[in-house]
């Protein structure tokens, strides 16, 4: 993922890319679309998109996500790896609240990826239709978490960044009103 232009991602912590199976695999484009070699033959699924097991949770999930971000793939593959991890960490938040820290890391990384490579979350643009973006769940989950924790300013900033992708406008308006009410309340209370 670090090879995507415009992204500040420098690499996954603790992962040695060259040691990962599939890191050096290249697609065969002779089929008309890229086909990736596997032990069973070939597939259109990139190594990054195949790396995180569906049933991975906890430490295994986190390790697989960091590894997947080092494997060959397209921006959309990395988006779905990150979004899937955020969704799983969110679902496990009561049983494993320590995962919320990584939820934040992965959601912010996903937003950075979306900003650097909007095609990761968009349908192809045609001459007579504007770009349409897929529904993103990773960033809204982080916004909700920040809002619950009282980090309204941070949640508002993320909602405004997400609005570029046709999502979060209503949340941005609500958070703006909430932030304004907090500022007004603080002004009424005066200095402490």
Protein backbone atom coordinates (compact mmCIF):
# COMPACT_ATOMS: atom_id res chain seq x y z
CA UNK A 1 0.00 0.00 0.00
CA UNK A 2 2.95 2.32 0.62
CA UNK A 3 3.46 2.51 -3.17
CA UNK A 4 0.15 4.36 -3.69
CA UNK A 5 0.99 7.96 -4.67
CA UNK A 6 -0.07 10.58 -2.15
CA UNK A 7 -0.27 8.32 0.88
CA UNK A 8 2.02 8.83 3.85
CA UNK A 9 1.88 5.15 4.86
CA UNK A 10 5.50 4.05 5.28
CA UNK A 11 4.85 0.38 5.91
CA UNK A 12 3.38 -2.00 8.43
CA UNK A 13 4.99 -2.13 11.86
CA UNK A 14 7.02 -5.26 12.44
CA UNK A 15 6.32 -6.77 9.03
CA UNK A 16 9.16 -7.84 6.77
CA UNK A 17 7.56 -7.61 3.35
CA UNK A 18 10.06 -9.88 1.64
CA UNK A 19 9.34 -12.68 4.13
CA UNK A 20 5.61 -12.78 3.32
CA UNK A 21 4.37 -15.52 1.00
CA UNK A 22 3.04 -13.83 -2.12
CA UNK A 23 4.98 -10.59 -1.68
CA UNK A 24 6.93 -11.14 -4.89
CA UNK A 25 4.04 -12.53 -6.93
CA UNK A 26 3.13 -10.63 -10.08
CA UNK A 27 -0.07 -10.99 -12.11
CA UNK A 28 -0.32 -12.56 -15.51
CA UNK A 29 -2.11 -10.03 -17.74
CA UNK A 30 -2.33 -12.29 -20.79
CA UNK A 31 -5.95 -13.17 -19.91
CA UNK A 32 -7.11 -9.61 -20.57
CA UNK A 33 -7.36 -8.84 -16.87
CA UNK A 34 -4.75 -9.57 -14.20
CA UNK A 35 -4.74 -13.15 -12.93
CA UNK A 36 -2.71 -13.97 -9.83
CA UNK A 37 -1.02 -17.36 -9.46
CA UNK A 38 -2.06 -19.55 -6.53
CA UNK A 39 -1.25 -23.10 -5.44
CA UNK A 40 -4.56 -24.19 -7.02
CA UNK A 41 -4.10 -22.32 -10.32
CA UNK A 42 -4.89 -18.65 -10.73
CA UNK A 43 -7.44 -16.10 -9.54
CA UNK A 44 -8.40 -12.50 -10.14
CA UNK A 45 -8.16 -11.88 -6.38
CA UNK A 46 -4.93 -10.14 -5.38
CA UNK A 47 -2.65 -11.49 -2.64
CA UNK A 48 -3.71 -8.57 -0.39
CA UNK A 49 -7.41 -9.31 -0.82
CA UNK A 50 -6.93 -13.02 -0.02
CA UNK A 51 -4.67 -12.63 3.01
CA UNK A 52 -7.06 -11.96 5.91
CA UNK A 53 -9.04 -15.08 6.88
CA UNK A 54 -12.76 -14.53 7.28
CA UNK A 55 -12.67 -15.90 10.83
CA UNK A 56 -9.57 -13.99 12.01
CA UNK A 57 -10.04 -12.04 15.24
CA UNK A 58 -7.89 -10.37 17.87
CA UNK A 59 -4.13 -10.51 17.43
CA UNK A 60 -4.41 -12.78 14.38
CA UNK A 61 -6.66 -10.25 12.65
CA UNK A 62 -4.30 -7.37 13.38
CA UNK A 63 -1.26 -9.32 12.16
CA UNK A 64 -3.03 -10.39 8.97
CA UNK A 65 -4.19 -6.83 8.23
CA UNK A 66 -0.68 -5.38 8.62
CA UNK A 67 0.67 -8.16 6.40
CA UNK A 68 -2.05 -7.67 3.76
CA UNK A 69 -1.09 -3.99 3.46
CA UNK A 70 2.39 -5.15 2.41
CA UNK A 71 1.20 -7.57 -0.27
CA UNK A 72 0.46 -6.78 -3.92
CA UNK A 73 -3.00 -5.36 -4.43
CA UNK A 74 -5.04 -2.43 -5.65
CA UNK A 75 -6.23 0.54 -3.60
CA UNK A 76 -9.71 -0.99 -3.39
CA UNK A 77 -8.24 -4.21 -1.95
CA UNK A 78 -6.53 -2.27 0.83
CA UNK A 79 -9.71 -0.30 1.53
CA UNK A 80 -11.73 -3.48 2.01
CA UNK A 81 -8.99 -5.04 4.18
CA UNK A 82 -8.97 -1.97 6.44
CA UNK A 83 -12.74 -1.56 6.48
CA UNK A 84 -13.23 -5.24 7.27
CA UNK A 85 -10.79 -4.98 10.17
CA UNK A 86 -12.57 -1.91 11.53
CA UNK A 87 -15.92 -3.68 11.31
CA UNK A 88 -14.58 -6.75 13.15
CA UNK A 89 -12.87 -4.67 15.83
CA UNK A 90 -16.09 -2.67 16.29
CA UNK A 91 -18.13 -5.86 16.66
CA UNK A 92 -15.69 -7.17 19.28
CA UNK A 93 -15.41 -3.89 21.23
CA UNK A 94 -17.24 -5.12 24.33
CA UNK A 95 -15.24 -8.34 24.60
CA UNK A 96 -11.95 -6.77 23.49
CA UNK A 97 -12.01 -3.00 24.14
CA UNK A 98 -8.25 -2.82 23.56
CA UNK A 99 -9.04 -3.25 19.86
CA UNK A 100 -10.56 0.25 19.75
CA UNK A 101 -7.09 1.79 19.54
CA UNK A 102 -6.36 -0.20 16.38
CA UNK A 103 -9.85 0.54 15.08
CA UNK A 104 -8.83 4.20 15.15
CA UNK A 105 -5.49 3.49 13.44
CA UNK A 106 -7.10 1.42 10.67
CA UNK A 107 -10.00 3.85 10.11
CA UNK A 108 -7.64 6.83 9.82
CA UNK A 109 -5.41 4.86 7.46
CA UNK A 110 -8.47 3.97 5.38
CA UNK A 111 -9.50 7.64 5.17
CA UNK A 112 -5.96 8.60 4.14
CA UNK A 113 -6.08 5.89 1.47
CA UNK A 114 -9.45 7.15 0.21
CA UNK A 115 -8.13 10.71 -0.01
CA UNK A 116 -4.98 9.61 -1.87
CA UNK A 117 -6.79 7.15 -4.15
CA UNK A 118 -10.52 7.95 -4.43
CA UNK A 119 -10.87 5.12 -6.94
CA UNK A 120 -10.54 2.78 -3.94
CA UNK A 121 -14.12 3.63 -2.98
CA UNK A 122 -15.70 4.72 -6.25
CA UNK A 123 -17.42 3.28 -9.24
CA UNK A 124 -16.05 4.18 -12.65
CA UNK A 125 -16.92 7.63 -13.86
CA UNK A 126 -18.51 7.90 -17.28
CA UNK A 127 -18.82 10.96 -19.48
CA UNK A 128 -22.50 11.43 -18.61
CA UNK A 129 -22.46 10.47 -14.92
CA UNK A 130 -20.50 11.71 -11.91
CA UNK A 131 -18.38 9.48 -9.74
CA UNK A 132 -20.42 7.42 -7.30
CA UNK A 133 -18.78 6.29 -4.08
CA UNK A 134 -19.38 3.02 -2.26
CA UNK A 135 -20.77 3.24 1.25
CA UNK A 136 -17.89 3.41 3.70
CA UNK A 137 -18.31 2.03 7.23
CA UNK A 138 -14.82 2.40 8.71
CA UNK A 139 -14.72 6.18 9.13
CA UNK A 140 -18.33 6.54 10.39
CA UNK A 141 -17.53 3.96 13.07
CA UNK A 142 -14.58 6.05 14.22
CA UNK A 143 -16.67 9.23 14.11
CA UNK A 144 -19.30 7.57 16.32
CA UNK A 145 -16.64 6.38 18.74
CA UNK A 146 -15.05 9.83 18.99
CA UNK A 147 -18.42 11.47 19.51
CA UNK A 148 -19.29 9.05 22.33
CA UNK A 149 -15.98 9.83 23.97
CA UNK A 150 -16.69 13.57 23.75
CA UNK A 151 -14.07 14.30 21.09
CA UNK A 152 -16.54 16.41 19.09
CA UNK A 153 -13.94 18.54 17.28
CA UNK A 154 -12.03 15.47 16.05
CA UNK A 155 -15.26 13.72 15.02
CA UNK A 156 -16.38 16.85 13.14
CA UNK A 157 -13.08 17.10 11.27
CA UNK A 158 -13.37 13.47 10.14
CA UNK A 159 -17.01 13.93 9.11
CA UNK A 160 -16.02 16.93 6.99
CA UNK A 161 -13.23 14.92 5.32
CA UNK A 162 -15.67 12.06 4.66
CA UNK A 163 -18.17 14.45 3.04
CA UNK A 164 -15.90 14.58 -0.02
CA UNK A 165 -17.06 11.04 -0.70
CA UNK A 166 -20.76 11.88 -0.57
CA UNK A 167 -21.15 10.62 3.00
CA UNK A 168 -21.28 12.17 6.44
CA UNK A 169 -22.86 15.52 5.50
CA UNK A 170 -25.73 15.06 7.97
CA UNK A 171 -23.32 13.98 10.69
CA UNK A 172 -21.14 17.00 9.93
CA UNK A 173 -24.12 19.35 10.36
CA UNK A 174 -25.17 17.67 13.62
CA UNK A 175 -21.62 17.75 15.01
CA UNK A 176 -21.21 21.40 13.96
CA UNK A 177 -24.34 22.27 15.94
CA UNK A 178 -23.10 20.25 18.91
CA UNK A 179 -19.67 21.92 18.79
CA UNK A 180 -21.35 25.34 18.60
CA UNK A 181 -23.53 24.53 21.60
CA UNK A 182 -20.46 23.45 23.59
CA UNK A 183 -18.64 26.67 22.74
CA UNK A 184 -21.71 28.74 23.71
CA UNK A 185 -22.05 26.82 26.99
CA UNK A 186 -18.37 27.37 27.78
CA UNK A 187 -18.77 31.11 27.06
CA UNK A 188 -21.80 31.34 29.38
CA UNK A 189 -19.95 29.51 32.13
CA UNK A 190 -17.08 31.98 31.96
CA UNK A 191 -13.60 31.44 33.30
CA UNK A 192 -13.13 28.86 36.00
